[in-house]
Amino acid sequence: MSNRVALIEQRLRAALEPQRLTVVDDSAAHADHAGAREGGHFTVHIVSGAFTGKTPIQRHRLVNTAVADLMRREIHALSIWAQAPEETRISTS
């Protein structure tokens, strides 16, 4: 796990207490992109009770707020897939 992935996970866990969280570093696929030198490209899949009753825009804002300090240097692009627990089946086993 990269240091950037760990930082993103840390911020999201602290702010949103997710039931499921996956952060994928997609930076290698964007190596030729000019902005890639300033920060990485990441995909976040997150399931959190904090998203219940929220619109997709509100969910994205919650995620972006949680990692706002990382957007200056560590993150260049962030793809977000955010769900409330009732929208997905979470295995308890």
N, C-alpha and C. Protein backbone atom coordinates (compact mmCIF):
# COMPACT_ATOMS: atom_id res chain seq x y z
N MET A 1 0.85 -1.18 0.00
CA MET A 1 0.00 0.00 0.00
C MET A 1 0.88 1.23 0.00
N SER A 2 0.55 2.17 -0.89
CA SER A 2 1.35 3.39 -0.96
C SER A 2 1.01 4.31 0.21
N ASN A 3 1.92 5.23 0.48
CA ASN A 3 1.71 6.20 1.54
C ASN A 3 0.48 7.06 1.23
N ARG A 4 0.28 7.41 -0.03
CA ARG A 4 -0.89 8.21 -0.42
C ARG A 4 -2.19 7.47 -0.16
N VAL A 5 -2.22 6.20 -0.51
CA VAL A 5 -3.43 5.39 -0.26
C VAL A 5 -3.70 5.34 1.24
N ALA A 6 -2.67 5.13 2.04
CA ALA A 6 -2.84 5.07 3.50
C ALA A 6 -3.37 6.40 4.04
N LEU A 7 -2.89 7.51 3.52
CA LEU A 7 -3.37 8.83 3.96
C LEU A 7 -4.84 9.02 3.62
N ILE A 8 -5.22 8.64 2.41
CA ILE A 8 -6.62 8.77 1.99
C ILE A 8 -7.51 7.90 2.87
N GLU A 9 -7.10 6.66 3.08
CA GLU A 9 -7.88 5.75 3.93
C GLU A 9 -8.02 6.31 5.34
N GLN A 10 -6.94 6.82 5.89
CA GLN A 10 -6.95 7.38 7.24
C GLN A 10 -7.98 8.50 7.35
N ARG A 11 -7.96 9.43 6.40
CA ARG A 11 -8.88 10.57 6.44
C ARG A 11 -10.34 10.11 6.31
N LEU A 12 -10.59 9.17 5.39
CA LEU A 12 -11.95 8.71 5.17
C LEU A 12 -12.48 7.90 6.36
N ARG A 13 -11.64 7.07 6.95
CA ARG A 13 -12.07 6.30 8.13
C ARG A 13 -12.40 7.23 9.30
N ALA A 14 -11.59 8.23 9.51
CA ALA A 14 -11.82 9.16 10.62
C ALA A 14 -13.09 9.99 10.42
N ALA A 15 -13.34 10.42 9.21
CA ALA A 15 -14.46 11.32 8.95
C ALA A 15 -15.80 10.61 8.73
N LEU A 16 -15.77 9.43 8.09
CA LEU A 16 -17.01 8.80 7.64
C LEU A 16 -17.29 7.43 8.23
N GLU A 17 -16.38 6.89 9.02
CA GLU A 17 -16.56 5.58 9.66
C GLU A 17 -17.17 4.54 8.70
N PRO A 18 -16.50 4.28 7.59
CA PRO A 18 -17.08 3.39 6.59
C PRO A 18 -17.19 1.94 7.04
N GLN A 19 -18.20 1.28 6.52
CA GLN A 19 -18.36 -0.16 6.73
C GLN A 19 -17.52 -0.93 5.72
N ARG A 20 -17.28 -0.29 4.61
CA ARG A 20 -16.43 -0.88 3.57
C ARG A 20 -15.69 0.26 2.90
N LEU A 21 -14.40 0.06 2.66
CA LEU A 21 -13.58 1.09 2.02
C LEU A 21 -12.48 0.44 1.21
N THR A 22 -12.39 0.85 -0.05
CA THR A 22 -11.30 0.42 -0.92
C THR A 22 -10.78 1.67 -1.63
N VAL A 23 -9.48 1.85 -1.57
CA VAL A 23 -8.83 2.95 -2.29
C VAL A 23 -7.84 2.33 -3.26
N VAL A 24 -7.99 2.65 -4.53
CA VAL A 24 -7.14 2.10 -5.58
C VAL A 24 -6.30 3.22 -6.17
N ASP A 25 -5.01 2.99 -6.27
CA ASP A 25 -4.09 3.95 -6.89
C ASP A 25 -4.06 3.68 -8.38
N ASP A 26 -4.64 4.58 -9.15
CA ASP A 26 -4.71 4.45 -10.61
C ASP A 26 -3.62 5.28 -11.30
N SER A 27 -2.66 5.77 -10.56
CA SER A 27 -1.67 6.70 -11.09
C SER A 27 -0.88 6.14 -12.27
N ALA A 28 -0.56 4.87 -12.25
CA ALA A 28 0.24 4.29 -13.33
C ALA A 28 -0.46 4.40 -14.67
N ALA A 29 -1.78 4.37 -14.67
CA ALA A 29 -2.54 4.48 -15.91
C ALA A 29 -2.55 5.90 -16.46
N HIS A 30 -2.08 6.85 -15.65
CA HIS A 30 -2.10 8.26 -16.04
C HIS A 30 -0.69 8.86 -16.05
N ALA A 31 0.30 8.04 -16.18
CA ALA A 31 1.70 8.48 -16.07
C ALA A 31 2.06 9.58 -17.08
N ASP A 32 1.44 9.58 -18.25
CA ASP A 32 1.76 10.59 -19.28
C ASP A 32 0.95 11.87 -19.12
N HIS A 33 0.02 11.87 -18.20
CA HIS A 33 -0.83 13.05 -17.97
C HIS A 33 -0.02 14.11 -17.25
N ALA A 34 -0.03 15.32 -17.75
CA ALA A 34 0.81 16.40 -17.20
C ALA A 34 0.59 16.63 -15.71
N GLY A 35 -0.65 16.59 -15.27
CA GLY A 35 -0.94 16.84 -13.86
C GLY A 35 -0.54 15.73 -12.93
N ALA A 36 -0.20 14.57 -13.47
CA ALA A 36 0.13 13.41 -12.64
C ALA A 36 1.38 13.64 -11.79
N ARG A 37 2.22 14.58 -12.19
CA ARG A 37 3.43 14.84 -11.40
C ARG A 37 3.11 15.53 -10.08
N GLU A 38 1.98 16.26 -10.02
CA GLU A 38 1.62 16.99 -8.81
C GLU A 38 0.89 16.13 -7.80
N GLY A 39 0.34 15.01 -8.20
CA GLY A 39 -0.41 14.15 -7.31
C GLY A 39 -0.93 12.95 -8.05
N GLY A 40 -1.44 11.99 -7.30
CA GLY A 40 -1.87 10.75 -7.90
C GLY A 40 -3.34 10.74 -8.30
N HIS A 41 -3.68 9.70 -9.05
CA HIS A 41 -5.06 9.44 -9.48
C HIS A 41 -5.56 8.26 -8.65
N PHE A 42 -6.74 8.41 -8.06
CA PHE A 42 -7.26 7.38 -7.16
C PHE A 42 -8.74 7.15 -7.40
N THR A 43 -9.17 5.91 -7.11
CA THR A 43 -10.57 5.55 -7.11
C THR A 43 -10.93 5.12 -5.69
N VAL A 44 -12.02 5.66 -5.17
CA VAL A 44 -12.50 5.32 -3.83
C VAL A 44 -13.86 4.64 -3.95
N HIS A 45 -13.97 3.46 -3.37
CA HIS A 45 -15.25 2.77 -3.21
C HIS A 45 -15.52 2.78 -1.72
N ILE A 46 -16.62 3.40 -1.29
CA ILE A 46 -16.89 3.56 0.13
C ILE A 46 -18.37 3.34 0.42
N VAL A 47 -18.63 2.59 1.49
CA VAL A 47 -19.98 2.37 2.00
C VAL A 47 -20.00 2.90 3.42
N SER A 48 -20.90 3.85 3.68
CA SER A 48 -20.94 4.48 4.99
C SER A 48 -22.37 4.90 5.34
N GLY A 49 -22.71 4.76 6.60
CA GLY A 49 -24.00 5.23 7.08
C GLY A 49 -24.14 6.74 6.95
N ALA A 50 -23.03 7.43 6.85
CA ALA A 50 -23.05 8.89 6.68
C ALA A 50 -23.71 9.29 5.37
N PHE A 51 -23.84 8.36 4.42
CA PHE A 51 -24.43 8.66 3.12
C PHE A 51 -25.94 8.44 3.08
N THR A 52 -26.50 7.85 4.12
CA THR A 52 -27.94 7.58 4.13
C THR A 52 -28.72 8.88 3.98
N GLY A 53 -29.63 8.90 3.01
CA GLY A 53 -30.47 10.07 2.78
C GLY A 53 -29.78 11.21 2.05
N LYS A 54 -28.54 10.99 1.62
CA LYS A 54 -27.78 12.04 0.92
C LYS A 54 -27.82 11.81 -0.59
N THR A 55 -27.79 12.90 -1.34
CA THR A 55 -27.71 12.82 -2.78
C THR A 55 -26.28 12.46 -3.18
N PRO A 56 -26.07 12.03 -4.42
CA PRO A 56 -24.70 11.74 -4.87
C PRO A 56 -23.76 12.94 -4.70
N ILE A 57 -24.24 14.13 -4.99
CA ILE A 57 -23.40 15.33 -4.84
C ILE A 57 -23.02 15.53 -3.37
N GLN A 58 -23.97 15.36 -2.47
CA GLN A 58 -23.69 15.51 -1.04
C GLN A 58 -22.67 14.47 -0.57
N ARG A 59 -22.77 13.27 -1.08
CA ARG A 59 -21.83 12.20 -0.72
C ARG A 59 -20.42 12.55 -1.20
N HIS A 60 -20.33 13.01 -2.42
CA HIS A 60 -19.02 13.40 -2.97
C HIS A 60 -18.41 14.55 -2.17
N ARG A 61 -19.26 15.48 -1.77
CA ARG A 61 -18.76 16.59 -0.95
C ARG A 61 -18.22 16.10 0.39
N LEU A 62 -18.88 15.13 1.00
CA LEU A 62 -18.39 14.57 2.26
C LEU A 62 -17.01 13.92 2.07
N VAL A 63 -16.87 13.16 0.99
CA VAL A 63 -15.58 12.53 0.70
C VAL A 63 -14.52 13.58 0.42
N ASN A 64 -14.84 14.54 -0.43
CA ASN A 64 -13.87 15.59 -0.77
C ASN A 64 -13.48 16.42 0.45
N THR A 65 -14.40 16.69 1.33
CA THR A 65 -14.09 17.42 2.55
C THR A 65 -13.13 16.62 3.43
N ALA A 66 -13.34 15.32 3.50
CA ALA A 66 -12.48 14.46 4.33
C ALA A 66 -11.03 14.43 3.85
N VAL A 67 -10.82 14.59 2.55
CA VAL A 67 -9.46 14.52 1.99
C VAL A 67 -8.98 15.88 1.46
N ALA A 68 -9.66 16.94 1.83
CA ALA A 68 -9.36 18.27 1.28
C ALA A 68 -7.90 18.66 1.42
N ASP A 69 -7.30 18.37 2.56
CA ASP A 69 -5.89 18.75 2.75
C ASP A 69 -4.96 17.98 1.83
N LEU A 70 -5.36 16.81 1.37
CA LEU A 70 -4.53 16.00 0.47
C LEU A 70 -4.66 16.44 -0.99
N MET A 71 -5.71 17.20 -1.29
CA MET A 71 -5.94 17.63 -2.67
C MET A 71 -4.89 18.62 -3.14
N ARG A 72 -4.21 19.24 -2.25
CA ARG A 72 -3.20 20.24 -2.63
C ARG A 72 -1.94 19.60 -3.21
N ARG A 73 -1.56 18.42 -2.70
CA ARG A 73 -0.29 17.82 -3.13
C ARG A 73 -0.37 16.33 -3.46
N GLU A 74 -1.16 15.60 -2.70
CA GLU A 74 -1.16 14.13 -2.82
C GLU A 74 -2.14 13.60 -3.87
N ILE A 75 -3.23 14.32 -4.09
CA ILE A 75 -4.29 13.84 -4.99
C ILE A 75 -4.44 14.82 -6.16
N HIS A 76 -4.34 14.28 -7.36
CA HIS A 76 -4.62 15.08 -8.55
C HIS A 76 -6.04 14.82 -9.05
N ALA A 77 -6.45 13.56 -9.01
CA ALA A 77 -7.79 13.18 -9.48
C ALA A 77 -8.36 12.11 -8.55
N LEU A 78 -9.66 12.23 -8.26
CA LEU A 78 -10.31 11.29 -7.35
C LEU A 78 -11.65 10.88 -7.94
N SER A 79 -11.79 9.60 -8.22
CA SER A 79 -13.06 9.03 -8.68
C SER A 79 -13.74 8.43 -7.45
N ILE A 80 -15.01 8.76 -7.24
CA ILE A 80 -15.71 8.36 -6.02
C ILE A 80 -16.94 7.53 -6.35
N TRP A 81 -17.04 6.39 -5.68
CA TRP A 81 -18.22 5.54 -5.73
C TRP A 81 -18.67 5.41 -4.29
N ALA A 82 -19.75 6.09 -3.91
CA ALA A 82 -20.19 6.15 -2.51
C ALA A 82 -21.61 5.62 -2.38
N GLN A 83 -21.79 4.70 -1.43
CA GLN A 83 -23.10 4.09 -1.21
C GLN A 83 -23.44 4.10 0.28
N ALA A 84 -24.74 4.15 0.57
CA ALA A 84 -25.22 3.93 1.92
C ALA A 84 -25.33 2.42 2.13
N PRO A 85 -25.25 1.95 3.37
CA PRO A 85 -25.30 0.49 3.63
C PRO A 85 -26.54 -0.18 3.05
N GLU A 86 -27.67 0.50 3.07
CA GLU A 86 -28.91 -0.12 2.58
C GLU A 86 -28.93 -0.28 1.06
N GLU A 87 -27.98 0.31 0.37
CA GLU A 87 -27.91 0.22 -1.08
C GLU A 87 -27.05 -0.95 -1.56
N THR A 88 -26.42 -1.62 -0.64
CA THR A 88 -25.56 -2.74 -1.00
C THR A 88 -25.71 -3.82 0.06
N ARG A 89 -25.44 -5.02 -0.33
CA ARG A 89 -25.44 -6.11 0.64
C ARG A 89 -24.04 -6.25 1.19
N ILE A 90 -23.88 -6.08 2.46
CA ILE A 90 -22.57 -6.21 3.10
C ILE A 90 -22.54 -7.53 3.84
N SER A 91 -21.61 -8.36 3.49
CA SER A 91 -21.48 -9.66 4.13
C SER A 91 -20.99 -9.51 5.56
N THR A 92 -21.61 -10.23 6.47
CA THR A 92 -21.18 -10.21 7.87
C THR A 92 -20.29 -11.41 8.20
N SER A 93 -20.04 -12.24 7.21
CA SER A 93 -19.20 -13.41 7.47
C SER A 93 -17.76 -13.16 7.13
